Amino acid sequence: MTTFTERRQRVTDTAGILLFLEISAPSLPNPLRIVNDTQDWTSQGVVYLGAPFDFKLPNDTKGQTPRAQLVVDNVGRGISEDLESIGPNEVLMARLMVSDRTDPNTIERDYFLPVSSVTITGATASAQCGVDYIMRQQAVKLRANQFTLPGIFT
């Protein structure tokens, strides 16, 4: 029996890979589950909605935090309703899982990505992936001043 890695290293890959994506947020009752295909797939007893998606890799620009862009096909799939229910300034978490078409129940690779800046158009839903929201936060959450720490200003 050939392994996932052996099938990927062949000149002709007869099976191919499946990319499962789970997008979760505290305000969502269940994660949004999609698979990068035109048909629905079931993995480990969970149904994933078939919706083509793509990652645009970040530019290597000096002085900027690298951010990949996730673009999901939104035509006739109802993804926008789920994404519009997310609260403002809420950070989503995306879980990207790589599997083989011959055995979609076995997850070979698992990646976690923070997602921010979700925008929706009629044809696509896109979001920024990366730790940019962490990099743009203040280094100090509580600043010492006469109101927060009055004892040190006497």
N, C-alpha and C. Protein backbone atom coordinates (compact mmCIF):
# COMPACT_ATOMS: atom_id res chain seq x y z
N MET A 1 0.84 -1.18 0.00
CA MET A 1 0.00 0.00 0.00
C MET A 1 0.89 1.25 0.00
N THR A 2 0.59 2.17 -0.89
CA THR A 2 1.40 3.39 -0.99
C THR A 2 0.92 4.43 0.00
N THR A 3 1.82 5.27 0.43
CA THR A 3 1.50 6.30 1.41
C THR A 3 1.17 7.60 0.71
N PHE A 4 0.69 8.55 1.51
CA PHE A 4 0.35 9.88 1.01
C PHE A 4 1.56 10.53 0.34
N THR A 5 2.71 10.47 0.99
CA THR A 5 3.92 11.09 0.46
C THR A 5 4.37 10.42 -0.83
N GLU A 6 4.30 9.10 -0.89
CA GLU A 6 4.70 8.39 -2.10
C GLU A 6 3.82 8.76 -3.28
N ARG A 7 2.52 8.91 -3.06
CA ARG A 7 1.61 9.29 -4.15
C ARG A 7 1.89 10.71 -4.62
N ARG A 8 2.29 11.60 -3.73
CA ARG A 8 2.58 12.98 -4.14
C ARG A 8 3.88 13.07 -4.94
N GLN A 9 4.80 12.12 -4.74
CA GLN A 9 6.09 12.17 -5.41
C GLN A 9 6.09 11.49 -6.77
N ARG A 10 4.99 10.86 -7.13
CA ARG A 10 4.90 10.22 -8.44
C ARG A 10 4.86 11.26 -9.54
N VAL A 11 5.26 10.86 -10.72
CA VAL A 11 5.16 11.75 -11.87
C VAL A 11 3.69 11.97 -12.22
N THR A 12 2.90 10.92 -12.15
CA THR A 12 1.47 11.01 -12.40
C THR A 12 0.72 10.63 -11.12
N ASP A 13 0.07 11.62 -10.52
CA ASP A 13 -0.70 11.38 -9.30
C ASP A 13 -2.13 11.06 -9.72
N THR A 14 -2.54 9.82 -9.57
CA THR A 14 -3.87 9.41 -10.03
C THR A 14 -4.98 9.80 -9.06
N ALA A 15 -4.65 10.06 -7.82
CA ALA A 15 -5.68 10.36 -6.82
C ALA A 15 -5.88 11.86 -6.64
N GLY A 16 -4.84 12.59 -6.28
CA GLY A 16 -4.95 14.01 -6.00
C GLY A 16 -5.22 14.26 -4.52
N ILE A 17 -5.22 15.53 -4.15
CA ILE A 17 -5.42 15.88 -2.75
C ILE A 17 -6.74 16.61 -2.56
N LEU A 18 -7.20 16.60 -1.33
CA LEU A 18 -8.36 17.38 -0.93
C LEU A 18 -7.92 18.36 0.15
N LEU A 19 -8.39 19.58 0.05
CA LEU A 19 -8.12 20.60 1.06
C LEU A 19 -9.42 20.92 1.78
N PHE A 20 -9.47 20.57 3.05
CA PHE A 20 -10.62 20.88 3.88
C PHE A 20 -10.32 22.14 4.68
N LEU A 21 -11.32 23.00 4.82
CA LEU A 21 -11.14 24.25 5.54
C LEU A 21 -12.28 24.42 6.54
N GLU A 22 -11.92 24.63 7.80
CA GLU A 22 -12.90 24.93 8.85
C GLU A 22 -12.62 26.34 9.36
N ILE A 23 -13.62 27.20 9.27
CA ILE A 23 -13.50 28.56 9.78
C ILE A 23 -14.41 28.68 10.99
N SER A 24 -13.81 29.02 12.13
CA SER A 24 -14.59 29.11 13.37
C SER A 24 -14.39 30.48 14.01
N ALA A 25 -15.41 30.86 14.77
CA ALA A 25 -15.39 32.11 15.52
C ALA A 25 -16.27 31.92 16.74
N PRO A 26 -16.04 32.70 17.80
CA PRO A 26 -16.88 32.55 19.00
C PRO A 26 -18.37 32.78 18.74
N SER A 27 -18.71 33.63 17.78
CA SER A 27 -20.12 33.92 17.52
C SER A 27 -20.79 32.90 16.60
N LEU A 28 -20.01 32.04 15.96
CA LEU A 28 -20.60 31.02 15.09
C LEU A 28 -20.97 29.79 15.91
N PRO A 29 -22.19 29.28 15.76
CA PRO A 29 -22.57 28.08 16.53
C PRO A 29 -21.78 26.85 16.09
N ASN A 30 -21.50 26.74 14.80
CA ASN A 30 -20.71 25.64 14.24
C ASN A 30 -19.69 26.21 13.27
N PRO A 31 -18.55 25.57 13.12
CA PRO A 31 -17.59 26.07 12.13
C PRO A 31 -18.15 25.99 10.72
N LEU A 32 -17.72 26.92 9.88
CA LEU A 32 -18.04 26.89 8.46
C LEU A 32 -17.08 25.87 7.84
N ARG A 33 -17.61 24.81 7.26
CA ARG A 33 -16.78 23.72 6.74
C ARG A 33 -16.92 23.66 5.23
N ILE A 34 -15.78 23.86 4.53
CA ILE A 34 -15.78 23.79 3.07
C ILE A 34 -14.62 22.93 2.61
N VAL A 35 -14.76 22.40 1.41
CA VAL A 35 -13.71 21.61 0.79
C VAL A 35 -13.42 22.23 -0.57
N ASN A 36 -12.17 22.22 -0.97
CA ASN A 36 -11.75 22.83 -2.23
C ASN A 36 -12.09 21.89 -3.39
N ASP A 37 -13.37 21.83 -3.72
CA ASP A 37 -13.87 20.98 -4.79
C ASP A 37 -15.23 21.51 -5.22
N THR A 38 -15.76 20.99 -6.29
CA THR A 38 -17.07 21.42 -6.75
C THR A 38 -18.19 20.57 -6.18
N GLN A 39 -17.85 19.49 -5.49
CA GLN A 39 -18.86 18.64 -4.86
C GLN A 39 -18.60 18.55 -3.37
N ASP A 40 -19.64 18.19 -2.62
CA ASP A 40 -19.51 18.03 -1.18
C ASP A 40 -18.75 16.73 -0.87
N TRP A 41 -17.99 16.74 0.22
CA TRP A 41 -17.24 15.57 0.67
C TRP A 41 -17.52 15.34 2.14
N THR A 42 -17.40 14.09 2.57
CA THR A 42 -17.52 13.74 3.97
C THR A 42 -16.18 13.22 4.47
N SER A 43 -15.72 13.78 5.58
CA SER A 43 -14.48 13.34 6.19
C SER A 43 -14.72 13.16 7.68
N GLN A 44 -14.41 11.99 8.19
CA GLN A 44 -14.57 11.66 9.60
C GLN A 44 -16.00 11.92 10.08
N GLY A 45 -16.97 11.62 9.21
CA GLY A 45 -18.38 11.77 9.55
C GLY A 45 -18.91 13.18 9.46
N VAL A 46 -18.11 14.14 9.02
CA VAL A 46 -18.52 15.54 8.92
C VAL A 46 -18.62 15.91 7.44
N VAL A 47 -19.73 16.56 7.06
CA VAL A 47 -19.94 16.96 5.67
C VAL A 47 -19.32 18.34 5.44
N TYR A 48 -18.54 18.45 4.37
CA TYR A 48 -17.91 19.71 3.98
C TYR A 48 -18.54 20.18 2.67
N LEU A 49 -18.92 21.45 2.63
CA LEU A 49 -19.54 22.05 1.46
C LEU A 49 -18.50 22.24 0.37
N GLY A 50 -18.81 21.78 -0.83
CA GLY A 50 -17.89 21.94 -1.95
C GLY A 50 -17.88 23.38 -2.44
N ALA A 51 -16.79 24.07 -2.26
CA ALA A 51 -16.63 25.46 -2.69
C ALA A 51 -15.17 25.68 -3.02
N PRO A 52 -14.85 25.95 -4.28
CA PRO A 52 -13.45 26.20 -4.62
C PRO A 52 -12.89 27.39 -3.86
N PHE A 53 -11.67 27.23 -3.34
CA PHE A 53 -11.00 28.35 -2.68
C PHE A 53 -9.53 28.33 -3.05
N ASP A 54 -8.87 29.46 -2.78
CA ASP A 54 -7.47 29.61 -3.17
C ASP A 54 -6.79 30.52 -2.16
N PHE A 55 -5.50 30.32 -2.01
CA PHE A 55 -4.68 31.19 -1.18
C PHE A 55 -3.74 31.98 -2.09
N LYS A 56 -3.75 33.29 -1.95
CA LYS A 56 -2.78 34.13 -2.64
C LYS A 56 -1.66 34.38 -1.65
N LEU A 57 -0.47 33.98 -2.01
CA LEU A 57 0.66 34.09 -1.08
C LEU A 57 1.07 35.54 -0.88
N PRO A 58 1.65 35.86 0.28
CA PRO A 58 2.01 37.25 0.58
C PRO A 58 3.20 37.73 -0.24
N ASN A 59 3.23 39.04 -0.44
CA ASN A 59 4.39 39.65 -1.09
C ASN A 59 5.49 39.82 -0.06
N ASP A 60 6.71 39.71 -0.51
CA ASP A 60 7.86 39.89 0.37
C ASP A 60 8.24 41.37 0.35
N THR A 61 7.53 42.16 1.17
CA THR A 61 7.72 43.60 1.19
C THR A 61 8.35 44.00 2.52
N LYS A 62 9.43 44.78 2.43
CA LYS A 62 10.13 45.21 3.64
C LYS A 62 9.24 46.12 4.47
N GLY A 63 9.22 45.86 5.79
CA GLY A 63 8.47 46.69 6.71
C GLY A 63 7.01 46.32 6.86
N GLN A 64 6.56 45.25 6.20
CA GLN A 64 5.16 44.83 6.32
C GLN A 64 5.08 43.41 6.85
N THR A 65 4.04 43.16 7.61
CA THR A 65 3.80 41.81 8.11
C THR A 65 3.24 40.97 6.96
N PRO A 66 3.82 39.80 6.69
CA PRO A 66 3.30 38.99 5.59
C PRO A 66 1.90 38.46 5.89
N ARG A 67 1.01 38.63 4.93
CA ARG A 67 -0.36 38.16 5.05
C ARG A 67 -0.77 37.47 3.76
N ALA A 68 -1.23 36.25 3.87
CA ALA A 68 -1.79 35.56 2.71
C ALA A 68 -3.26 35.97 2.60
N GLN A 69 -3.80 35.82 1.41
CA GLN A 69 -5.20 36.15 1.22
C GLN A 69 -5.96 34.88 0.83
N LEU A 70 -7.03 34.60 1.55
CA LEU A 70 -7.91 33.47 1.27
C LEU A 70 -9.07 33.98 0.44
N VAL A 71 -9.32 33.34 -0.70
CA VAL A 71 -10.43 33.71 -1.58
C VAL A 71 -11.30 32.47 -1.78
N VAL A 72 -12.59 32.59 -1.41
CA VAL A 72 -13.54 31.47 -1.50
C VAL A 72 -14.62 31.83 -2.49
N ASP A 73 -14.94 30.89 -3.38
CA ASP A 73 -16.04 31.07 -4.33
C ASP A 73 -17.35 31.14 -3.56
N ASN A 74 -18.17 32.17 -3.82
CA ASN A 74 -19.37 32.41 -3.05
C ASN A 74 -20.64 32.30 -3.89
N VAL A 75 -20.55 31.88 -5.12
CA VAL A 75 -21.71 31.87 -6.01
C VAL A 75 -22.62 30.70 -5.65
N GLY A 76 -23.82 30.99 -5.18
CA GLY A 76 -24.84 29.99 -4.90
C GLY A 76 -24.55 29.07 -3.74
N ARG A 77 -23.67 29.46 -2.82
CA ARG A 77 -23.31 28.56 -1.73
C ARG A 77 -23.75 29.04 -0.36
N GLY A 78 -24.16 30.28 -0.23
CA GLY A 78 -24.66 30.78 1.05
C GLY A 78 -23.59 31.01 2.09
N ILE A 79 -22.34 31.14 1.68
CA ILE A 79 -21.26 31.39 2.64
C ILE A 79 -21.37 32.79 3.23
N SER A 80 -21.89 33.73 2.45
CA SER A 80 -21.96 35.11 2.93
C SER A 80 -22.85 35.24 4.16
N GLU A 81 -23.93 34.45 4.26
CA GLU A 81 -24.80 34.54 5.44
C GLU A 81 -24.05 34.16 6.71
N ASP A 82 -23.22 33.12 6.63
CA ASP A 82 -22.44 32.71 7.80
C ASP A 82 -21.42 33.78 8.18
N LEU A 83 -20.74 34.32 7.20
CA LEU A 83 -19.69 35.30 7.48
C LEU A 83 -20.27 36.64 7.96
N GLU A 84 -21.46 36.99 7.49
CA GLU A 84 -22.06 38.25 7.92
C GLU A 84 -22.54 38.21 9.36
N SER A 85 -22.70 37.02 9.93
CA SER A 85 -23.14 36.91 11.32
C SER A 85 -22.00 37.11 12.32
N ILE A 86 -20.79 37.25 11.83
CA ILE A 86 -19.63 37.42 12.70
C ILE A 86 -19.60 38.86 13.22
N GLY A 87 -19.31 39.00 14.50
CA GLY A 87 -19.29 40.31 15.14
C GLY A 87 -18.10 41.16 14.71
N PRO A 88 -18.17 42.48 14.94
CA PRO A 88 -17.05 43.36 14.59
C PRO A 88 -15.83 43.08 15.46
N ASN A 89 -14.66 43.22 14.87
CA ASN A 89 -13.37 43.00 15.53
C ASN A 89 -13.21 41.59 16.10
N GLU A 90 -13.95 40.65 15.56
CA GLU A 90 -13.85 39.27 16.01
C GLU A 90 -12.82 38.55 15.15
N VAL A 91 -11.92 37.85 15.80
CA VAL A 91 -10.87 37.13 15.09
C VAL A 91 -11.35 35.72 14.80
N LEU A 92 -11.28 35.36 13.55
CA LEU A 92 -11.65 34.01 13.14
C LEU A 92 -10.42 33.14 13.13
N MET A 93 -10.64 31.85 13.22
CA MET A 93 -9.54 30.90 13.14
C MET A 93 -9.86 29.92 12.02
N ALA A 94 -8.92 29.74 11.12
CA ALA A 94 -9.10 28.80 10.01
C ALA A 94 -8.20 27.60 10.25
N ARG A 95 -8.76 26.44 10.01
CA ARG A 95 -8.00 25.19 10.11
C ARG A 95 -7.98 24.57 8.71
N LEU A 96 -6.81 24.49 8.13
CA LEU A 96 -6.63 23.91 6.80
C LEU A 96 -6.11 22.49 6.96
N MET A 97 -6.83 21.54 6.39
CA MET A 97 -6.46 20.13 6.51
C MET A 97 -6.23 19.55 5.12
N VAL A 98 -5.14 18.82 4.98
CA VAL A 98 -4.78 18.21 3.70
C VAL A 98 -5.03 16.71 3.80
N SER A 99 -5.73 16.19 2.80
CA SER A 99 -6.05 14.77 2.78
C SER A 99 -5.91 14.23 1.36
N ASP A 100 -5.97 12.94 1.24
CA ASP A 100 -5.90 12.27 -0.06
C ASP A 100 -7.31 11.94 -0.52
N ARG A 101 -7.57 12.06 -1.81
CA ARG A 101 -8.89 11.74 -2.33
C ARG A 101 -9.26 10.27 -2.12
N THR A 102 -8.26 9.41 -2.09
CA THR A 102 -8.55 7.99 -1.90
C THR A 102 -8.95 7.67 -0.46
N ASP A 103 -8.56 8.51 0.50
CA ASP A 103 -8.89 8.29 1.90
C ASP A 103 -9.15 9.64 2.57
N PRO A 104 -10.33 10.24 2.36
CA PRO A 104 -10.59 11.57 2.94
C PRO A 104 -10.74 11.56 4.46
N ASN A 105 -10.83 10.41 5.08
CA ASN A 105 -10.95 10.34 6.54
C ASN A 105 -9.61 10.50 7.25
N THR A 106 -8.51 10.37 6.53
CA THR A 106 -7.18 10.52 7.11
C THR A 106 -6.64 11.91 6.79
N ILE A 107 -6.43 12.70 7.81
CA ILE A 107 -5.86 14.05 7.63
C ILE A 107 -4.35 13.92 7.73
N GLU A 108 -3.67 14.25 6.63
CA GLU A 108 -2.22 14.10 6.57
C GLU A 108 -1.48 15.32 7.12
N ARG A 109 -1.98 16.51 6.86
CA ARG A 109 -1.37 17.75 7.35
C ARG A 109 -2.47 18.63 7.93
N ASP A 110 -2.12 19.42 8.93
CA ASP A 110 -3.08 20.24 9.65
C ASP A 110 -2.42 21.60 9.94
N TYR A 111 -3.03 22.69 9.48
CA TYR A 111 -2.48 24.03 9.67
C TYR A 111 -3.55 24.93 10.28
N PHE A 112 -3.14 25.80 11.20
CA PHE A 112 -4.06 26.75 11.82
C PHE A 112 -3.63 28.16 11.42
N LEU A 113 -4.60 28.97 10.98
CA LEU A 113 -4.32 30.32 10.52
C LEU A 113 -5.32 31.30 11.14
N PRO A 114 -4.86 32.38 11.76
CA PRO A 114 -5.80 33.42 12.18
C PRO A 114 -6.28 34.19 10.95
N VAL A 115 -7.55 34.54 10.93
CA VAL A 115 -8.17 35.20 9.78
C VAL A 115 -8.75 36.53 10.22
N SER A 116 -8.53 37.57 9.42
CA SER A 116 -9.09 38.89 9.72
C SER A 116 -9.47 39.58 8.42
N SER A 117 -10.09 40.71 8.53
CA SER A 117 -10.46 41.56 7.38
C SER A 117 -11.25 40.79 6.33
N VAL A 118 -12.39 40.27 6.71
CA VAL A 118 -13.24 39.53 5.78
C VAL A 118 -14.03 40.50 4.94
N THR A 119 -14.00 40.30 3.63
CA THR A 119 -14.81 41.10 2.70
C THR A 119 -15.57 40.14 1.79
N ILE A 120 -16.81 40.54 1.47
CA ILE A 120 -17.68 39.68 0.67
C ILE A 120 -18.18 40.46 -0.53
N THR A 121 -18.07 39.85 -1.69
CA THR A 121 -18.68 40.39 -2.90
C THR A 121 -19.68 39.35 -3.40
N GLY A 122 -20.33 39.62 -4.51
CA GLY A 122 -21.30 38.66 -5.03
C GLY A 122 -20.68 37.35 -5.46
N ALA A 123 -19.45 37.40 -5.95
CA ALA A 123 -18.82 36.19 -6.48
C ALA A 123 -17.86 35.52 -5.51
N THR A 124 -17.23 36.29 -4.63
CA THR A 124 -16.20 35.72 -3.75
C THR A 124 -16.31 36.28 -2.33
N ALA A 125 -15.74 35.53 -1.43
CA ALA A 125 -15.51 36.00 -0.06
C ALA A 125 -14.01 35.92 0.15
N SER A 126 -13.40 36.98 0.64
CA SER A 126 -11.95 36.97 0.82
C SER A 126 -11.60 37.45 2.22
N ALA A 127 -10.43 37.03 2.69
CA ALA A 127 -9.98 37.38 4.03
C ALA A 127 -8.46 37.37 4.06
N GLN A 128 -7.90 38.11 4.99
CA GLN A 128 -6.47 38.14 5.21
C GLN A 128 -6.11 37.06 6.22
N CYS A 129 -5.06 36.30 5.95
CA CYS A 129 -4.61 35.25 6.86
C CYS A 129 -3.21 35.58 7.34
N GLY A 130 -3.01 35.55 8.62
CA GLY A 130 -1.70 35.83 9.20
C GLY A 130 -1.86 36.41 10.59
N VAL A 131 -0.75 36.74 11.19
CA VAL A 131 -0.75 37.26 12.56
C VAL A 131 -0.69 38.78 12.59
N ASP A 132 -1.21 39.41 11.57
CA ASP A 132 -1.17 40.87 11.48
C ASP A 132 -1.91 41.52 12.63
N TYR A 133 -3.03 40.95 13.07
CA TYR A 133 -3.79 41.54 14.16
C TYR A 133 -2.98 41.55 15.45
N ILE A 134 -2.08 40.59 15.63
CA ILE A 134 -1.21 40.57 16.81
C ILE A 134 -0.10 41.61 16.66
N MET A 135 0.47 41.70 15.47
CA MET A 135 1.59 42.61 15.24
C MET A 135 1.18 44.08 15.34
N ARG A 136 -0.09 44.40 15.13
CA ARG A 136 -0.55 45.78 15.17
C ARG A 136 -1.08 46.20 16.54
N GLN A 137 -1.09 45.31 17.50
CA GLN A 137 -1.56 45.65 18.83
C GLN A 137 -0.49 46.43 19.59
N GLN A 138 -0.93 47.15 20.61
CA GLN A 138 0.01 47.88 21.45
C GLN A 138 0.87 46.89 22.22
N ALA A 139 2.09 47.25 22.43
CA ALA A 139 2.99 46.38 23.18
C ALA A 139 2.60 46.35 24.66
N VAL A 140 2.10 47.47 25.16
CA VAL A 140 1.71 47.57 26.56
C VAL A 140 0.20 47.75 26.62
N LYS A 141 -0.48 46.83 27.29
CA LYS A 141 -1.94 46.90 27.38
C LYS A 141 -2.42 47.94 28.39
N LEU A 142 -1.66 48.16 29.46
CA LEU A 142 -2.04 49.11 30.50
C LEU A 142 -0.90 50.11 30.68
N ARG A 143 -1.17 51.36 30.39
CA ARG A 143 -0.15 52.39 30.54
C ARG A 143 -0.29 53.04 31.92
N ALA A 144 0.83 53.33 32.53
CA ALA A 144 0.82 53.95 33.84
C ALA A 144 0.57 55.45 33.68
N ASN A 145 -0.52 55.90 34.28
CA ASN A 145 -0.80 57.34 34.34
C ASN A 145 -1.46 57.62 35.69
N GLN A 146 -1.83 58.87 35.93
CA GLN A 146 -2.37 59.22 37.23
C GLN A 146 -3.73 58.61 37.52
N PHE A 147 -4.39 58.07 36.52
CA PHE A 147 -5.70 57.45 36.72
C PHE A 147 -5.59 55.94 36.92
N THR A 148 -4.71 55.27 36.19
CA THR A 148 -4.60 53.82 36.32
C THR A 148 -3.73 53.40 37.49
N LEU A 149 -2.67 54.16 37.78
CA LEU A 149 -1.77 53.88 38.91
C LEU A 149 -1.49 55.18 39.68
N PRO A 150 -2.47 55.69 40.42
CA PRO A 150 -2.29 57.00 41.07
C PRO A 150 -1.21 57.03 42.12
N GLY A 151 -0.86 55.91 42.72
CA GLY A 151 0.12 55.89 43.80
C GLY A 151 1.54 56.22 43.36
N ILE A 152 1.87 56.02 42.11
CA ILE A 152 3.24 56.29 41.68
C ILE A 152 3.45 57.73 41.24
N PHE A 153 2.39 58.53 41.22
CA PHE A 153 2.50 59.91 40.76
C PHE A 153 2.33 60.90 41.91
N THR A 154 2.79 60.58 43.10
CA THR A 154 2.68 61.52 44.23
C THR A 154 3.97 62.23 44.51
